Amino acid sequence: MTNRIKQGRALIDAFNARDFAIWQRELGEAFEASYPGLRSGGSMEAARQFNASFLPAFSDLSFEVRDAVEHADRVIYTWTARGTHDGPLATPGGTLPASGKRGTIDGVLITTIRDGRITREETYWNVPDLIAQIS
């Protein structure tokens, strides 16, 4: 695994460790995020709040990286996340109370690394599919 591939998966590693400091240490000052529900222009703090909202909703949330490809200043990861919806999940449409149901979702993380820092992250995953699984 190259250094760039290892560094770029900081968000995934932070979720698995339940410690977003791991991720924040790798971010550049001009970091920008684009996630489902937080598209283009998300700041570091907005990204942290968005991501942290999943931890109380899925106490056993875990991510598995299936593949990683490095191209120029980007690393592209395919991943599978699994967890039990055992806490409230805040969504743009309102808060979903815990259902006790397990969910599994596949997604993509695209990380841009410049000057040794993560400057941008984009994630793509099927939000309606997850909601259907845990409702």
C-alpha atoms as a PDB file:
ATOM      1  CA  MET A   1       0.000   0.000   0.000  1.00  0.00           C
ATOM      2  CA  THR A   2       1.444   3.364  -0.980  1.00  0.00           C
ATOM      3  CA  ASN A   3       1.598   6.249   1.485  1.00  0.00           C
ATOM      4  CA  ARG A   4      -1.019   8.145  -0.513  1.00  0.00           C
ATOM      5  CA  ILE A   5      -3.443   5.185  -0.450  1.00  0.00           C
ATOM      6  CA  LYS A   6      -2.901   4.797   3.303  1.00  0.00           C
ATOM      7  CA  GLN A   7      -3.293   8.527   3.992  1.00  0.00           C
ATOM      8  CA  GLY A   8      -6.358   8.982   1.798  1.00  0.00           C
ATOM      9  CA  ARG A   9      -8.412   6.428   3.720  1.00  0.00           C
ATOM     10  CA  ALA A  10      -8.167   8.473   6.934  1.00  0.00           C
ATOM     11  CA  LEU A  11     -11.952   9.008   7.002  1.00  0.00           C
ATOM     12  CA  ILE A  12     -12.602   5.258   6.797  1.00  0.00           C
ATOM     13  CA  ASP A  13      -9.981   4.558   9.449  1.00  0.00           C
ATOM     14  CA  ALA A  14     -11.523   7.249  11.678  1.00  0.00           C
ATOM     15  CA  PHE A  15     -14.959   5.647  11.408  1.00  0.00           C
ATOM     16  CA  ASN A  16     -13.547   2.230  12.250  1.00  0.00           C
ATOM     17  CA  ALA A  17     -11.612   3.601  15.241  1.00  0.00           C
ATOM     18  CA  ARG A  18     -14.504   5.889  16.232  1.00  0.00           C
ATOM     19  CA  ASP A  19     -11.947   8.698  16.436  1.00  0.00           C
ATOM     20  CA  PHE A  20     -12.208  11.581  13.958  1.00  0.00           C
ATOM     21  CA  ALA A  21      -8.910  13.061  15.192  1.00  0.00           C
ATOM     22  CA  ILE A  22      -7.233  10.413  12.983  1.00  0.00           C
ATOM     23  CA  TRP A  23      -8.944  11.972   9.979  1.00  0.00           C
ATOM     24  CA  GLN A  24      -8.571  15.616  10.977  1.00  0.00           C
ATOM     25  CA  ARG A  25      -4.779  15.279  11.294  1.00  0.00           C
ATOM     26  CA  GLU A  26      -4.592  14.497   7.569  1.00  0.00           C
ATOM     27  CA  LEU A  27      -6.696  17.424   6.331  1.00  0.00           C
ATOM     28  CA  GLY A  28      -5.347  20.534   4.648  1.00  0.00           C
ATOM     29  CA  GLU A  29      -6.426  24.018   5.709  1.00  0.00           C
ATOM     30  CA  ALA A  30      -8.537  24.531   2.580  1.00  0.00           C
ATOM     31  CA  PHE A  31     -10.278  21.149   2.935  1.00  0.00           C
ATOM     32  CA  GLU A  32     -13.605  20.747   1.151  1.00  0.00           C
ATOM     33  CA  ALA A  33     -16.130  17.913   1.405  1.00  0.00           C
ATOM     34  CA  SER A  34     -18.925  16.667  -0.811  1.00  0.00           C
ATOM     35  CA  TYR A  35     -21.077  13.914   0.723  1.00  0.00           C
ATOM     36  CA  PRO A  36     -24.707  12.820   0.248  1.00  0.00           C
ATOM     37  CA  GLY A  37     -26.622  15.455   2.204  1.00  0.00           C
ATOM     38  CA  LEU A  38     -23.591  17.786   2.262  1.00  0.00           C
ATOM     39  CA  ARG A  39     -22.683  18.535  -1.320  1.00  0.00           C
ATOM     40  CA  SER A  40     -19.882  20.785  -2.595  1.00  0.00           C
ATOM     41  CA  GLY A  41     -18.230  23.296  -0.377  1.00  0.00           C
ATOM     42  CA  GLY A  42     -18.574  21.478   2.934  1.00  0.00           C
ATOM     43  CA  SER A  43     -15.993  22.813   5.376  1.00  0.00           C
ATOM     44  CA  MET A  44     -13.882  20.692   7.712  1.00  0.00           C
ATOM     45  CA  GLU A  45     -16.249  21.398  10.611  1.00  0.00           C
ATOM     46  CA  ALA A  46     -19.391  20.698   8.560  1.00  0.00           C
ATOM     47  CA  ALA A  47     -17.805  17.449   7.338  1.00  0.00           C
ATOM     48  CA  ARG A  48     -16.888  16.421  10.888  1.00  0.00           C
ATOM     49  CA  GLN A  49     -20.417  17.076  12.144  1.00  0.00           C
ATOM     50  CA  PHE A  50     -21.966  15.235   9.200  1.00  0.00           C
ATOM     51  CA  ASN A  51     -19.768  12.159   9.645  1.00  0.00           C
ATOM     52  CA  ALA A  52     -19.964  12.119  13.447  1.00  0.00           C
ATOM     53  CA  SER A  53     -23.765  11.901  13.271  1.00  0.00           C
ATOM     54  CA  PHE A  54     -23.496   8.265  12.120  1.00  0.00           C
ATOM     55  CA  LEU A  55     -21.602   7.028  15.189  1.00  0.00           C
ATOM     56  CA  PRO A  56     -24.434   7.266  17.759  1.00  0.00           C
ATOM     57  CA  ALA A  57     -26.894   5.919  15.160  1.00  0.00           C
ATOM     58  CA  PHE A  58     -24.805   2.806  14.402  1.00  0.00           C
ATOM     59  CA  SER A  59     -22.771   1.774  17.458  1.00  0.00           C
ATOM     60  CA  ASP A  60     -21.163  -1.132  15.572  1.00  0.00           C
ATOM     61  CA  LEU A  61     -20.578   0.728  12.281  1.00  0.00           C
ATOM     62  CA  SER A  62     -17.617  -0.654  10.352  1.00  0.00           C
ATOM     63  CA  PHE A  63     -16.159  -0.023   6.940  1.00  0.00           C
ATOM     64  CA  GLU A  64     -14.315  -2.487   4.735  1.00  0.00           C
ATOM     65  CA  VAL A  65     -12.226  -1.145   1.853  1.00  0.00           C
ATOM     66  CA  ARG A  66     -12.714  -3.436  -1.128  1.00  0.00           C
ATOM     67  CA  ASP A  67     -10.381  -1.689  -3.560  1.00  0.00           C
ATOM     68  CA  ALA A  68      -8.172   1.389  -3.837  1.00  0.00           C
ATOM     69  CA  VAL A  69      -6.854   2.966  -7.025  1.00  0.00           C
ATOM     70  CA  GLU A  70      -4.408   5.846  -7.173  1.00  0.00           C
ATOM     71  CA  HIS A  71      -4.508   8.271 -10.102  1.00  0.00           C
ATOM     72  CA  ALA A  72      -2.544  11.535 -10.157  1.00  0.00           C
ATOM     73  CA  ASP A  73      -3.503  13.430  -6.943  1.00  0.00           C
ATOM     74  CA  ARG A  74      -6.570  11.258  -6.251  1.00  0.00           C
ATOM     75  CA  VAL A  75      -7.200   7.961  -4.542  1.00  0.00           C
ATOM     76  CA  ILE A  76     -10.485   6.198  -5.232  1.00  0.00           C
ATOM     77  CA  TYR A  77     -11.784   3.639  -2.741  1.00  0.00           C
ATOM     78  CA  THR A  78     -14.726   1.301  -3.007  1.00  0.00           C
ATOM     79  CA  TRP A  79     -16.080   0.286   0.377  1.00  0.00           C
ATOM     80  CA  THR A  80     -18.826  -1.574   2.174  1.00  0.00           C
ATOM     81  CA  ALA A  81     -20.244  -0.256   5.452  1.00  0.00           C
ATOM     82  CA  ARG A  82     -22.265  -2.348   7.893  1.00  0.00           C
ATOM     83  CA  GLY A  83     -23.990  -1.491  11.118  1.00  0.00           C
ATOM     84  CA  THR A  84     -26.998  -1.839  13.365  1.00  0.00           C
ATOM     85  CA  HIS A  85     -29.318   1.154  13.568  1.00  0.00           C
ATOM     86  CA  ASP A  86     -29.469   1.296  17.351  1.00  0.00           C
ATOM     87  CA  GLY A  87     -29.562   5.052  17.892  1.00  0.00           C
ATOM     88  CA  PRO A  88     -31.299   8.095  16.381  1.00  0.00           C
ATOM     89  CA  LEU A  89     -30.102   9.089  12.893  1.00  0.00           C
ATOM     90  CA  ALA A  90     -30.395  12.751  11.956  1.00  0.00           C
ATOM     91  CA  THR A  91     -31.295  13.219   8.280  1.00  0.00           C
ATOM     92  CA  PRO A  92     -32.297  16.271   6.215  1.00  0.00           C
ATOM     93  CA  GLY A  93     -35.870  14.935   6.346  1.00  0.00           C
ATOM     94  CA  GLY A  94     -35.890  14.530  10.128  1.00  0.00           C
ATOM     95  CA  THR A  95     -34.526  12.150  12.743  1.00  0.00           C
ATOM     96  CA  LEU A  96     -35.051   8.413  12.301  1.00  0.00           C
ATOM     97  CA  PRO A  97     -35.513   6.653  15.645  1.00  0.00           C
ATOM     98  CA  ALA A  98     -33.479   3.492  16.249  1.00  0.00           C
ATOM     99  CA  SER A  99     -34.983   0.473  14.509  1.00  0.00           C
ATOM    100  CA  GLY A 100     -32.571  -2.248  15.640  1.00  0.00           C
ATOM    101  CA  LYS A 101     -32.193  -3.303  11.996  1.00  0.00           C
ATOM    102  CA  ARG A 102     -28.864  -3.979  10.311  1.00  0.00           C
ATOM    103  CA  GLY A 103     -27.891  -2.117   7.188  1.00  0.00           C
ATOM    104  CA  THR A 104     -25.227  -2.752   4.575  1.00  0.00           C
ATOM    105  CA  ILE A 105     -24.308  -0.176   1.977  1.00  0.00           C
ATOM    106  CA  ASP A 106     -21.645   0.032  -0.740  1.00  0.00           C
ATOM    107  CA  GLY A 107     -20.009   3.305  -1.632  1.00  0.00           C
ATOM    108  CA  VAL A 108     -17.132   5.211  -3.135  1.00  0.00           C
ATOM    109  CA  LEU A 109     -14.720   7.655  -1.499  1.00  0.00           C
ATOM    110  CA  ILE A 110     -12.624   9.907  -3.738  1.00  0.00           C
ATOM    111  CA  THR A 111      -9.817  11.653  -1.879  1.00  0.00           C
ATOM    112  CA  THR A 112      -7.676  14.424  -3.358  1.00  0.00           C
ATOM    113  CA  ILE A 113      -4.246  14.808  -1.779  1.00  0.00           C
ATOM    114  CA  ARG A 114      -2.055  17.828  -2.484  1.00  0.00           C
ATOM    115  CA  ASP A 115       1.171  18.804  -0.750  1.00  0.00           C
ATOM    116  CA  GLY A 116       0.816  15.868   1.627  1.00  0.00           C
ATOM    117  CA  ARG A 117      -2.658  16.842   2.873  1.00  0.00           C
ATOM    118  CA  ILE A 118      -6.199  15.777   2.044  1.00  0.00           C
ATOM    119  CA  THR A 119      -7.771  18.783   0.332  1.00  0.00           C
ATOM    120  CA  ARG A 120     -11.045  17.276  -0.850  1.00  0.00           C
ATOM    121  CA  GLU A 121     -13.252  14.256  -0.212  1.00  0.00           C
ATOM    122  CA  GLU A 122     -16.266  13.091  -2.154  1.00  0.00           C
ATOM    123  CA  THR A 123     -18.438  10.159  -1.118  1.00  0.00           C
ATOM    124  CA  TYR A 124     -21.187   8.496  -3.078  1.00  0.00           C
ATOM    125  CA  TRP A 125     -23.615   5.951  -1.705  1.00  0.00           C
ATOM    126  CA  ASN A 126     -27.285   5.091  -2.032  1.00  0.00           C
ATOM    127  CA  VAL A 127     -29.051   6.931   0.796  1.00  0.00           C
ATOM    128  CA  PRO A 128     -32.591   5.699  -0.078  1.00  0.00           C
ATOM    129  CA  ASP A 129     -31.321   2.100  -0.017  1.00  0.00           C
ATOM    130  CA  LEU A 130     -29.905   2.543   3.485  1.00  0.00           C
ATOM    131  CA  ILE A 131     -33.089   4.225   4.735  1.00  0.00           C
ATOM    132  CA  ALA A 132     -35.178   1.369   3.311  1.00  0.00           C
ATOM    133  CA  GLN A 133     -32.990  -1.221   5.081  1.00  0.00           C
ATOM    134  CA  ILE A 134     -33.197   0.379   8.502  1.00  0.00           C
ATOM    135  CA  SER A 135     -36.813   1.614   8.446  1.00  0.00           C
END
